[in-house]
């Protein structure tokens, strides 16, 4: 009974990962587009002091810019949002697949093979080079250097 309940809970948890509720108010909770797409009217159009247009033109320009930006974004996201979501989903699934089934196994295989090569290399160094350098150090240990200043 306890095992069946645990299985049911695992299925519910797995299902919730794909069907979880999304926040419709805060659509960028990780702030990945914090500084990229914040473009307001004042960021694009500005009139310096002394060269002001009519107030009505300024207000109408502001309203036109804001409303057209808002509706163009909504229209483009309605037309291209779902197809691009499919493309991005496919791309990231492909990247995940390659990483899980190709990259990580290749790296693990390489690390296993290089560990074997490393041991063989270490044995060769200790067998051949250590005695040579030890003998060389004993030869050079009796060398004395004296500096004299001749006038």
C-alpha atoms as a PDB file:
ATOM      1  CA  UNK A   1       0.000   0.000   0.000  1.00  0.00           C
ATOM      2  CA  UNK A   2       2.790   2.405   0.925  1.00  0.00           C
ATOM      3  CA  UNK A   3       4.667   1.572  -2.299  1.00  0.00           C
ATOM      4  CA  UNK A   4       1.579   2.291  -4.421  1.00  0.00           C
ATOM      5  CA  UNK A   5       1.115   5.649  -2.731  1.00  0.00           C
ATOM      6  CA  UNK A   6       4.787   6.513  -3.270  1.00  0.00           C
ATOM      7  CA  UNK A   7       4.464   5.608  -6.965  1.00  0.00           C
ATOM      8  CA  UNK A   8       1.338   7.751  -7.267  1.00  0.00           C
ATOM      9  CA  UNK A   9       3.126  10.692  -5.624  1.00  0.00           C
ATOM     10  CA  UNK A  10       6.092  10.276  -8.003  1.00  0.00           C
ATOM     11  CA  UNK A  11       3.745  10.300 -11.005  1.00  0.00           C
ATOM     12  CA  UNK A  12       2.051  13.431  -9.692  1.00  0.00           C
ATOM     13  CA  UNK A  13       5.416  15.126  -9.166  1.00  0.00           C
ATOM     14  CA  UNK A  14       6.573  14.154 -12.656  1.00  0.00           C
ATOM     15  CA  UNK A  15       3.323  15.413 -14.183  1.00  0.00           C
ATOM     16  CA  UNK A  16       3.534  18.694 -12.272  1.00  0.00           C
ATOM     17  CA  UNK A  17       6.937  19.469 -13.798  1.00  0.00           C
ATOM     18  CA  UNK A  18       5.363  19.760 -17.243  1.00  0.00           C
ATOM     19  CA  UNK A  19       1.943  21.135 -16.323  1.00  0.00           C
ATOM     20  CA  UNK A  20       2.856  23.481 -13.479  1.00  0.00           C
ATOM     21  CA  UNK A  21       1.019  26.738 -13.109  1.00  0.00           C
ATOM     22  CA  UNK A  22       2.802  29.711 -14.617  1.00  0.00           C
ATOM     23  CA  UNK A  23       2.823  33.216 -13.222  1.00  0.00           C
ATOM     24  CA  UNK A  24       0.858  35.433 -15.605  1.00  0.00           C
ATOM     25  CA  UNK A  25       1.798  38.600 -13.713  1.00  0.00           C
ATOM     26  CA  UNK A  26       5.576  38.206 -13.337  1.00  0.00           C
ATOM     27  CA  UNK A  27       6.598  36.663 -16.652  1.00  0.00           C
ATOM     28  CA  UNK A  28      10.323  37.192 -16.157  1.00  0.00           C
ATOM     29  CA  UNK A  29      10.932  35.904 -12.616  1.00  0.00           C
ATOM     30  CA  UNK A  30      14.648  35.311 -13.239  1.00  0.00           C
ATOM     31  CA  UNK A  31      15.101  38.767 -14.829  1.00  0.00           C
ATOM     32  CA  UNK A  32      16.771  37.475 -17.997  1.00  0.00           C
ATOM     33  CA  UNK A  33      15.416  40.395 -20.056  1.00  0.00           C
ATOM     34  CA  UNK A  34      15.890  43.030 -17.362  1.00  0.00           C
ATOM     35  CA  UNK A  35      18.054  45.409 -19.396  1.00  0.00           C
ATOM     36  CA  UNK A  36      17.454  44.172 -22.926  1.00  0.00           C
ATOM     37  CA  UNK A  37      13.963  45.128 -24.028  1.00  0.00           C
ATOM     38  CA  UNK A  38      12.937  47.991 -21.771  1.00  0.00           C
ATOM     39  CA  UNK A  39      12.441  50.684 -24.396  1.00  0.00           C
ATOM     40  CA  UNK A  40      10.092  53.516 -23.542  1.00  0.00           C
ATOM     41  CA  UNK A  41       9.137  56.586 -25.545  1.00  0.00           C
ATOM     42  CA  UNK A  42      11.624  58.715 -23.608  1.00  0.00           C
ATOM     43  CA  UNK A  43      14.450  56.296 -24.497  1.00  0.00           C
ATOM     44  CA  UNK A  44      13.846  56.781 -28.227  1.00  0.00           C
ATOM     45  CA  UNK A  45      12.397  60.235 -28.769  1.00  0.00           C
ATOM     46  CA  UNK A  46      13.416  63.309 -26.808  1.00  0.00           C
ATOM     47  CA  UNK A  47      13.188  67.019 -27.513  1.00  0.00           C
ATOM     48  CA  UNK A  48      15.920  69.229 -26.116  1.00  0.00           C
ATOM     49  CA  UNK A  49      15.073  72.478 -24.389  1.00  0.00           C
ATOM     50  CA  UNK A  50      14.127  75.152 -26.889  1.00  0.00           C
ATOM     51  CA  UNK A  51      12.930  72.815 -29.651  1.00  0.00           C
ATOM     52  CA  UNK A  52       9.565  71.658 -28.413  1.00  0.00           C
ATOM     53  CA  UNK A  53       6.803  70.545 -30.740  1.00  0.00           C
ATOM     54  CA  UNK A  54       3.145  71.300 -30.019  1.00  0.00           C
ATOM     55  CA  UNK A  55       1.861  69.652 -26.850  1.00  0.00           C
ATOM     56  CA  UNK A  56      -0.827  67.823 -28.810  1.00  0.00           C
ATOM     57  CA  UNK A  57       1.765  66.418 -31.227  1.00  0.00           C
ATOM     58  CA  UNK A  58       3.941  65.294 -28.313  1.00  0.00           C
ATOM     59  CA  UNK A  59       1.046  63.574 -26.511  1.00  0.00           C
ATOM     60  CA  UNK A  60      -0.212  61.947 -29.714  1.00  0.00           C
ATOM     61  CA  UNK A  61       3.298  60.757 -30.591  1.00  0.00           C
ATOM     62  CA  UNK A  62       3.673  59.259 -27.125  1.00  0.00           C
ATOM     63  CA  UNK A  63       0.320  57.481 -27.354  1.00  0.00           C
ATOM     64  CA  UNK A  64       0.993  56.268 -30.904  1.00  0.00           C
ATOM     65  CA  UNK A  65       4.439  54.943 -29.995  1.00  0.00           C
ATOM     66  CA  UNK A  66       3.254  53.184 -26.859  1.00  0.00           C
ATOM     67  CA  UNK A  67       0.109  51.640 -28.359  1.00  0.00           C
ATOM     68  CA  UNK A  68       1.802  50.555 -31.622  1.00  0.00           C
ATOM     69  CA  UNK A  69       4.700  48.989 -29.708  1.00  0.00           C
ATOM     70  CA  UNK A  70       2.245  47.172 -27.431  1.00  0.00           C
ATOM     71  CA  UNK A  71       0.031  45.844 -30.243  1.00  0.00           C
ATOM     72  CA  UNK A  72       2.901  44.989 -32.599  1.00  0.00           C
ATOM     73  CA  UNK A  73       4.482  42.935 -29.851  1.00  0.00           C
ATOM     74  CA  UNK A  74       1.190  41.194 -29.099  1.00  0.00           C
ATOM     75  CA  UNK A  75       0.529  40.513 -32.788  1.00  0.00           C
ATOM     76  CA  UNK A  76       4.054  39.176 -33.416  1.00  0.00           C
ATOM     77  CA  UNK A  77       3.935  37.004 -30.304  1.00  0.00           C
ATOM     78  CA  UNK A  78       0.507  35.672 -31.329  1.00  0.00           C
ATOM     79  CA  UNK A  79       1.731  34.798 -34.824  1.00  0.00           C
ATOM     80  CA  UNK A  80       5.305  33.666 -34.091  1.00  0.00           C
ATOM     81  CA  UNK A  81       5.285  32.834 -30.375  1.00  0.00           C
ATOM     82  CA  UNK A  82       4.060  29.251 -30.600  1.00  0.00           C
ATOM     83  CA  UNK A  83       6.154  28.264 -33.666  1.00  0.00           C
ATOM     84  CA  UNK A  84       9.269  29.781 -32.083  1.00  0.00           C
ATOM     85  CA  UNK A  85       8.469  28.020 -28.796  1.00  0.00           C
ATOM     86  CA  UNK A  86       8.432  24.742 -30.756  1.00  0.00           C
ATOM     87  CA  UNK A  87      11.748  25.624 -32.432  1.00  0.00           C
ATOM     88  CA  UNK A  88      13.389  26.600 -29.124  1.00  0.00           C
ATOM     89  CA  UNK A  89      11.950  23.558 -27.368  1.00  0.00           C
ATOM     90  CA  UNK A  90      13.320  21.323 -30.131  1.00  0.00           C
ATOM     91  CA  UNK A  91      16.714  23.062 -30.038  1.00  0.00           C
ATOM     92  CA  UNK A  92      17.103  22.762 -26.269  1.00  0.00           C
ATOM     93  CA  UNK A  93      15.876  19.171 -26.369  1.00  0.00           C
ATOM     94  CA  UNK A  94      18.529  18.475 -29.027  1.00  0.00           C
ATOM     95  CA  UNK A  95      21.218  20.156 -26.943  1.00  0.00           C
ATOM     96  CA  UNK A  96      20.136  18.196 -23.859  1.00  0.00           C
ATOM     97  CA  UNK A  97      20.067  14.955 -25.845  1.00  0.00           C
ATOM     98  CA  UNK A  98      23.565  15.522 -27.247  1.00  0.00           C
ATOM     99  CA  UNK A  99      24.899  16.493 -23.848  1.00  0.00           C
ATOM    100  CA  UNK A 100      23.348  13.506 -22.044  1.00  0.00           C
ATOM    101  CA  UNK A 101      23.979  10.833 -24.686  1.00  0.00           C
ATOM    102  CA  UNK A 102      27.223  12.023 -26.321  1.00  0.00           C
ATOM    103  CA  UNK A 103      29.208  14.703 -24.498  1.00  0.00           C
ATOM    104  CA  UNK A 104      29.138  13.385 -20.918  1.00  0.00           C
ATOM    105  CA  UNK A 105      29.808   9.744 -21.906  1.00  0.00           C
ATOM    106  CA  UNK A 106      32.740  10.857 -24.085  1.00  0.00           C
ATOM    107  CA  UNK A 107      34.187  12.905 -21.250  1.00  0.00           C
ATOM    108  CA  UNK A 108      33.752  10.037 -18.781  1.00  0.00           C
ATOM    109  CA  UNK A 109      35.364   7.606 -21.235  1.00  0.00           C
ATOM    110  CA  UNK A 110      38.249  10.001 -21.798  1.00  0.00           C
ATOM    111  CA  UNK A 111      38.786  10.417 -18.054  1.00  0.00           C
ATOM    112  CA  UNK A 112      38.843   6.641 -17.569  1.00  0.00           C
ATOM    113  CA  UNK A 113      41.346   6.159 -20.408  1.00  0.00           C
ATOM    114  CA  UNK A 114      43.524   9.077 -19.370  1.00  0.00           C
ATOM    115  CA  UNK A 115      43.676   7.706 -15.825  1.00  0.00           C
ATOM    116  CA  UNK A 116      45.171   4.471 -17.205  1.00  0.00           C
ATOM    117  CA  UNK A 117      47.636   6.421 -19.356  1.00  0.00           C
ATOM    118  CA  UNK A 118      48.481   8.606 -16.359  1.00  0.00           C
ATOM    119  CA  UNK A 119      49.423   5.589 -14.262  1.00  0.00           C
ATOM    120  CA  UNK A 120      51.623   4.167 -17.035  1.00  0.00           C
ATOM    121  CA  UNK A 121      53.281   7.569 -17.527  1.00  0.00           C
ATOM    122  CA  UNK A 122      53.860   7.910 -13.780  1.00  0.00           C
ATOM    123  CA  UNK A 123      55.447   4.445 -13.631  1.00  0.00           C
ATOM    124  CA  UNK A 124      57.772   5.290 -16.529  1.00  0.00           C
ATOM    125  CA  UNK A 125      58.835   8.561 -14.902  1.00  0.00           C
ATOM    126  CA  UNK A 126      59.517   6.881 -11.553  1.00  0.00           C
ATOM    127  CA  UNK A 127      61.346   3.980 -13.223  1.00  0.00           C
ATOM    128  CA  UNK A 128      63.599   5.869 -15.635  1.00  0.00           C
ATOM    129  CA  UNK A 129      63.798   9.533 -14.714  1.00  0.00           C
ATOM    130  CA  UNK A 130      63.939   9.375 -10.904  1.00  0.00           C
ATOM    131  CA  UNK A 131      67.167   7.282 -10.791  1.00  0.00           C
ATOM    132  CA  UNK A 132      68.775   9.452 -13.479  1.00  0.00           C
ATOM    133  CA  UNK A 133      68.041  12.728 -11.695  1.00  0.00           C
ATOM    134  CA  UNK A 134      68.970  11.256  -8.328  1.00  0.00           C
ATOM    135  CA  UNK A 135      72.386  10.226  -9.711  1.00  0.00           C
ATOM    136  CA  UNK A 136      72.787  13.637 -11.349  1.00  0.00           C
ATOM    137  CA  UNK A 137      72.003  15.353  -8.058  1.00  0.00           C
ATOM    138  CA  UNK A 138      74.607  13.265  -6.223  1.00  0.00           C
ATOM    139  CA  UNK A 139      77.207  14.189  -8.849  1.00  0.00           C
ATOM    140  CA  UNK A 140      76.389  17.882  -8.597  1.00  0.00           C
ATOM    141  CA  UNK A 141      76.136  17.914  -4.792  1.00  0.00           C
ATOM    142  CA  UNK A 142      79.903  18.117  -4.382  1.00  0.00           C
ATOM    143  CA  UNK A 143      80.342  21.038  -6.730  1.00  0.00           C
ATOM    144  CA  UNK A 144      81.434  24.132  -4.828  1.00  0.00           C
ATOM    145  CA  UNK A 145      81.340  27.584  -6.296  1.00  0.00           C
ATOM    146  CA  UNK A 146      83.630  30.234  -4.906  1.00  0.00           C
ATOM    147  CA  UNK A 147      83.553  33.844  -5.988  1.00  0.00           C
ATOM    148  CA  UNK A 148      86.644  35.971  -5.664  1.00  0.00           C
ATOM    149  CA  UNK A 149      87.061  39.522  -6.500  1.00  0.00           C
ATOM    150  CA  UNK A 150      90.343  40.131  -8.253  1.00  0.00           C
ATOM    151  CA  UNK A 151      91.767  43.579  -8.343  1.00  0.00           C
END
